Amino acid sequence: AEFRLLDDDITDKQRAYLHGVVLKEIAQQAMVDGRRFPMKVWKEHFRKEWLGHRTVTHTNPLTGRKSRRRERISTEDLGVRRMAEYIDRVIAFAATELGVVVSEPLPPELRPSRRRARAIESNHVDADTGEILEHA
């Protein structure tokens, strides 16, 4: 059996949207100096530009010596909210800097704040306590 948080399913769908819609359309439409670039190039460009890296300390198990190295931050490391913000940023850049129009906007159900608001509106969650309510 595999147990995952509800948010994992959303980030999987966000990731599929980022790759299957946003980056794909950028690769198909964007031209820089008369050249088109594959989706993988755009993916790495945005990742490097906006996600950056972190410095991590590792210990060699044989010598006990510590070393530090830079590791790039992946979209896998982002939660639902940060992933939605990242997707919005990529879409905005594509529109303003590359003239790319993404045909399908990010679906509202992939935005965490809207999901919570929808649950509260439909009386599944008490807005004050966060208690999950049963339908009467």
C-alpha atoms as a PDB file:
ATOM      1  CA  ALA A   1       0.000   0.000   0.000  1.00  0.00           C
ATOM      2  CA  GLU A   2       1.118   3.533  -0.686  1.00  0.00           C
ATOM      3  CA  PHE A   3       0.050   6.374   1.581  1.00  0.00           C
ATOM      4  CA  ARG A   4       0.374   9.955   0.388  1.00  0.00           C
ATOM      5  CA  LEU A   5      -0.860  13.311   1.526  1.00  0.00           C
ATOM      6  CA  LEU A   6      -3.725  14.847  -0.419  1.00  0.00           C
ATOM      7  CA  ASP A   7      -1.336  17.594  -1.493  1.00  0.00           C
ATOM      8  CA  ASP A   8       0.885  15.040  -3.248  1.00  0.00           C
ATOM      9  CA  ASP A   9      -1.898  14.339  -5.739  1.00  0.00           C
ATOM     10  CA  ILE A  10      -2.275  18.054  -6.413  1.00  0.00           C
ATOM     11  CA  THR A  11       1.459  18.574  -6.944  1.00  0.00           C
ATOM     12  CA  ASP A  12       1.480  15.600  -9.336  1.00  0.00           C
ATOM     13  CA  LYS A  13      -1.303  17.271 -11.321  1.00  0.00           C
ATOM     14  CA  GLN A  14       0.487  20.626 -11.142  1.00  0.00           C
ATOM     15  CA  ARG A  15       3.676  19.000 -12.423  1.00  0.00           C
ATOM     16  CA  ALA A  16       1.749  17.352 -15.262  1.00  0.00           C
ATOM     17  CA  TYR A  17       0.222  20.736 -16.151  1.00  0.00           C
ATOM     18  CA  LEU A  18       3.630  22.459 -16.049  1.00  0.00           C
ATOM     19  CA  HIS A  19       5.206  19.885 -18.368  1.00  0.00           C
ATOM     20  CA  GLY A  20       2.233  18.915 -20.513  1.00  0.00           C
ATOM     21  CA  VAL A  21       0.858  22.391 -21.133  1.00  0.00           C
ATOM     22  CA  VAL A  22       3.073  25.301 -20.080  1.00  0.00           C
ATOM     23  CA  LEU A  23       6.584  24.145 -21.014  1.00  0.00           C
ATOM     24  CA  LYS A  24       5.298  22.329 -24.090  1.00  0.00           C
ATOM     25  CA  GLU A  25       3.625  25.489 -25.419  1.00  0.00           C
ATOM     26  CA  ILE A  26       6.683  27.604 -24.634  1.00  0.00           C
ATOM     27  CA  ALA A  27       8.863  25.153 -26.575  1.00  0.00           C
ATOM     28  CA  GLN A  28       6.450  25.226 -29.517  1.00  0.00           C
ATOM     29  CA  GLN A  29       5.844  28.984 -29.634  1.00  0.00           C
ATOM     30  CA  ALA A  30       8.860  30.811 -28.216  1.00  0.00           C
ATOM     31  CA  MET A  31      11.593  32.029 -30.515  1.00  0.00           C
ATOM     32  CA  VAL A  32      14.745  33.675 -29.211  1.00  0.00           C
ATOM     33  CA  ASP A  33      17.065  35.131 -31.867  1.00  0.00           C
ATOM     34  CA  GLY A  34      15.172  33.118 -34.472  1.00  0.00           C
ATOM     35  CA  ARG A  35      15.706  29.807 -32.657  1.00  0.00           C
ATOM     36  CA  ARG A  36      13.375  27.455 -30.850  1.00  0.00           C
ATOM     37  CA  PHE A  37      14.508  25.381 -27.895  1.00  0.00           C
ATOM     38  CA  PRO A  38      13.190  22.043 -26.612  1.00  0.00           C
ATOM     39  CA  MET A  39      11.085  21.776 -23.485  1.00  0.00           C
ATOM     40  CA  LYS A  40      14.008  20.379 -21.455  1.00  0.00           C
ATOM     41  CA  VAL A  41      16.048  23.525 -22.139  1.00  0.00           C
ATOM     42  CA  TRP A  42      13.235  25.788 -20.950  1.00  0.00           C
ATOM     43  CA  LYS A  43      12.624  23.601 -17.902  1.00  0.00           C
ATOM     44  CA  GLU A  44      16.267  23.873 -16.820  1.00  0.00           C
ATOM     45  CA  HIS A  45      16.368  27.602 -17.594  1.00  0.00           C
ATOM     46  CA  PHE A  46      13.404  28.395 -15.348  1.00  0.00           C
ATOM     47  CA  ARG A  47      14.603  26.028 -12.632  1.00  0.00           C
ATOM     48  CA  LYS A  48      18.047  27.626 -12.558  1.00  0.00           C
ATOM     49  CA  GLU A  49      16.675  31.164 -12.806  1.00  0.00           C
ATOM     50  CA  TRP A  50      14.004  30.999 -10.099  1.00  0.00           C
ATOM     51  CA  LEU A  51      14.602  27.958  -7.926  1.00  0.00           C
ATOM     52  CA  GLY A  52      18.366  28.220  -7.639  1.00  0.00           C
ATOM     53  CA  HIS A  53      20.366  25.969  -5.364  1.00  0.00           C
ATOM     54  CA  ARG A  54      21.085  25.243  -1.739  1.00  0.00           C
ATOM     55  CA  THR A  55      24.349  24.326  -0.050  1.00  0.00           C
ATOM     56  CA  VAL A  56      24.252  20.946   1.650  1.00  0.00           C
ATOM     57  CA  THR A  57      26.798  19.439   4.054  1.00  0.00           C
ATOM     58  CA  HIS A  58      27.603  15.753   3.576  1.00  0.00           C
ATOM     59  CA  THR A  59      29.666  13.485   5.778  1.00  0.00           C
ATOM     60  CA  ASN A  60      31.879  10.823   4.216  1.00  0.00           C
ATOM     61  CA  PRO A  61      30.981   7.644   6.143  1.00  0.00           C
ATOM     62  CA  LEU A  62      34.486   6.197   5.717  1.00  0.00           C
ATOM     63  CA  THR A  63      36.543   9.191   6.800  1.00  0.00           C
ATOM     64  CA  GLY A  64      34.059  11.223   8.808  1.00  0.00           C
ATOM     65  CA  ARG A  65      35.105  14.306   6.861  1.00  0.00           C
ATOM     66  CA  LYS A  66      32.465  16.821   6.033  1.00  0.00           C
ATOM     67  CA  SER A  67      32.153  18.482   2.687  1.00  0.00           C
ATOM     68  CA  ARG A  68      29.764  21.028   1.292  1.00  0.00           C
ATOM     69  CA  ARG A  69      28.311  21.116  -2.177  1.00  0.00           C
ATOM     70  CA  ARG A  70      25.623  22.922  -4.073  1.00  0.00           C
ATOM     71  CA  GLU A  71      22.479  21.037  -5.011  1.00  0.00           C
ATOM     72  CA  ARG A  72      19.895  22.506  -7.315  1.00  0.00           C
ATOM     73  CA  ILE A  73      16.398  22.917  -5.986  1.00  0.00           C
ATOM     74  CA  SER A  74      13.871  20.889  -7.928  1.00  0.00           C
ATOM     75  CA  THR A  75      10.180  21.425  -8.495  1.00  0.00           C
ATOM     76  CA  GLU A  76       9.882  18.139  -6.568  1.00  0.00           C
ATOM     77  CA  ASP A  77      10.888  20.131  -3.472  1.00  0.00           C
ATOM     78  CA  LEU A  78       8.022  22.622  -3.819  1.00  0.00           C
ATOM     79  CA  GLY A  79       4.731  22.284  -1.997  1.00  0.00           C
ATOM     80  CA  VAL A  80       1.350  22.959  -3.557  1.00  0.00           C
ATOM     81  CA  ARG A  81       1.360  26.709  -2.910  1.00  0.00           C
ATOM     82  CA  ARG A  82       4.943  27.313  -4.093  1.00  0.00           C
ATOM     83  CA  MET A  83       4.384  25.119  -7.143  1.00  0.00           C
ATOM     84  CA  ALA A  84       1.308  27.175  -8.116  1.00  0.00           C
ATOM     85  CA  GLU A  85       3.321  30.386  -7.665  1.00  0.00           C
ATOM     86  CA  TYR A  86       6.169  28.953  -9.758  1.00  0.00           C
ATOM     87  CA  ILE A  87       3.766  27.978 -12.562  1.00  0.00           C
ATOM     88  CA  ASP A  88       2.205  31.451 -12.490  1.00  0.00           C
ATOM     89  CA  ARG A  89       5.657  33.020 -12.715  1.00  0.00           C
ATOM     90  CA  VAL A  90       6.632  30.861 -15.708  1.00  0.00           C
ATOM     91  CA  ILE A  91       3.361  31.711 -17.489  1.00  0.00           C
ATOM     92  CA  ALA A  92       3.788  35.435 -16.787  1.00  0.00           C
ATOM     93  CA  PHE A  93       7.368  35.399 -18.098  1.00  0.00           C
ATOM     94  CA  ALA A  94       6.294  33.468 -21.184  1.00  0.00           C
ATOM     95  CA  ALA A  95       3.577  36.006 -21.921  1.00  0.00           C
ATOM     96  CA  THR A  96       5.546  39.195 -21.265  1.00  0.00           C
ATOM     97  CA  GLU A  97       9.030  38.261 -22.427  1.00  0.00           C
ATOM     98  CA  LEU A  98       8.421  35.568 -25.051  1.00  0.00           C
ATOM     99  CA  GLY A  99       4.991  36.468 -26.406  1.00  0.00           C
ATOM    100  CA  VAL A 100       3.688  32.979 -25.629  1.00  0.00           C
ATOM    101  CA  VAL A 101       0.031  32.599 -24.758  1.00  0.00           C
ATOM    102  CA  VAL A 102      -0.685  29.509 -22.700  1.00  0.00           C
ATOM    103  CA  SER A 103      -4.005  28.202 -23.977  1.00  0.00           C
ATOM    104  CA  GLU A 104      -5.126  26.521 -20.737  1.00  0.00           C
ATOM    105  CA  PRO A 105      -4.840  28.522 -17.502  1.00  0.00           C
ATOM    106  CA  LEU A 106      -3.919  26.715 -14.282  1.00  0.00           C
ATOM    107  CA  PRO A 107      -7.126  24.953 -13.180  1.00  0.00           C
ATOM    108  CA  PRO A 108      -8.565  26.437  -9.959  1.00  0.00           C
ATOM    109  CA  GLU A 109      -8.558  23.074  -8.204  1.00  0.00           C
ATOM    110  CA  LEU A 110      -4.750  23.074  -8.414  1.00  0.00           C
ATOM    111  CA  ARG A 111      -4.586  26.231  -6.314  1.00  0.00           C
ATOM    112  CA  PRO A 112      -4.499  25.427  -2.600  1.00  0.00           C
ATOM    113  CA  SER A 113      -6.294  28.541  -1.355  1.00  0.00           C
ATOM    114  CA  ARG A 114      -9.189  27.982  -3.704  1.00  0.00           C
ATOM    115  CA  ARG A 115      -9.525  24.345  -2.697  1.00  0.00           C
ATOM    116  CA  ARG A 116      -9.740  25.329   0.979  1.00  0.00           C
ATOM    117  CA  ALA A 117     -12.218  28.123   0.262  1.00  0.00           C
ATOM    118  CA  ARG A 118     -14.366  25.728  -1.762  1.00  0.00           C
ATOM    119  CA  ALA A 119     -14.333  23.180   1.099  1.00  0.00           C
ATOM    120  CA  ILE A 120     -15.360  25.870   3.578  1.00  0.00           C
ATOM    121  CA  GLU A 121     -18.118  27.140   1.283  1.00  0.00           C
ATOM    122  CA  SER A 122     -19.555  23.656   0.879  1.00  0.00           C
ATOM    123  CA  ASN A 123     -19.542  23.199   4.671  1.00  0.00           C
ATOM    124  CA  HIS A 124     -16.970  20.378   4.698  1.00  0.00           C
ATOM    125  CA  VAL A 125     -14.641  22.353   7.002  1.00  0.00           C
ATOM    126  CA  ASP A 126     -15.514  24.690   9.848  1.00  0.00           C
ATOM    127  CA  ALA A 127     -13.861  28.043   9.013  1.00  0.00           C
ATOM    128  CA  ASP A 128     -13.065  28.815  12.657  1.00  0.00           C
ATOM    129  CA  THR A 129     -11.856  25.470  14.001  1.00  0.00           C
ATOM    130  CA  GLY A 130     -10.797  23.597  10.875  1.00  0.00           C
ATOM    131  CA  GLU A 131     -13.038  20.720  12.005  1.00  0.00           C
ATOM    132  CA  ILE A 132     -14.282  18.448   9.239  1.00  0.00           C
ATOM    133  CA  LEU A 133     -18.068  18.489   9.182  1.00  0.00           C
ATOM    134  CA  GLU A 134     -20.439  15.731   8.177  1.00  0.00           C
ATOM    135  CA  HIS A 135     -23.437  16.440   5.962  1.00  0.00           C
ATOM    136  CA  ALA A 136     -26.663  16.238   7.957  1.00  0.00           C
END
